[in-house]
């Protein structure tokens, strides 16, 4: 799971990456057991 693509929320938005998309990806990674160690 990545933290950001471009470094700022505005730049990420230009790539179509939003907070809700990152939250959805995080939830999916946790469900698959692929969350980084110590983040569960």
Protein backbone atom coordinates (compact mmCIF):
# COMPACT_ATOMS: atom_id res chain seq x y z
CA UNK A 1 0.00 0.00 0.00
CA UNK A 2 1.40 3.36 -0.93
CA UNK A 3 1.13 6.57 1.03
CA UNK A 4 0.80 8.92 -1.92
CA UNK A 5 1.66 9.24 -5.58
CA UNK A 6 2.56 12.89 -5.91
CA UNK A 7 3.18 14.07 -2.34
CA UNK A 8 0.26 16.46 -1.88
CA UNK A 9 -3.49 15.99 -1.77
CA UNK A 10 -3.95 18.43 -4.64
CA UNK A 11 -1.47 16.65 -6.87
CA UNK A 12 -2.92 13.25 -5.96
CA UNK A 13 -6.38 14.55 -6.89
CA UNK A 14 -5.02 15.45 -10.33
CA UNK A 15 -4.14 11.75 -10.73
CA UNK A 16 -7.60 10.68 -9.51
CA UNK A 17 -6.34 9.54 -6.10
CA UNK A 18 -8.55 10.62 -3.19
CA UNK A 19 -8.63 9.97 0.54
CA UNK A 20 -11.62 7.66 0.06
CA UNK A 21 -9.74 5.68 -2.61
CA UNK A 22 -6.74 5.28 -0.28
CA UNK A 23 -9.05 4.19 2.57
CA UNK A 24 -10.71 1.65 0.28
CA UNK A 25 -7.32 0.28 -0.81
CA UNK A 26 -6.18 0.10 2.82
CA UNK A 27 -9.30 -1.85 3.81
CA UNK A 28 -8.82 -4.25 0.90
CA UNK A 29 -5.17 -4.83 1.84
CA UNK A 30 -6.16 -5.57 5.44
CA UNK A 31 -8.84 -8.03 4.32
CA UNK A 32 -6.26 -9.84 2.20
CA UNK A 33 -3.76 -9.86 5.05
CA UNK A 34 -1.35 -7.60 3.15
CA UNK A 35 -1.25 -4.68 5.58
CA UNK A 36 2.23 -3.64 6.71
CA UNK A 37 3.43 -5.17 9.97
CA UNK A 38 2.21 -3.33 13.07
CA UNK A 39 -0.75 -1.58 11.39
CA UNK A 40 -3.56 -3.98 12.19
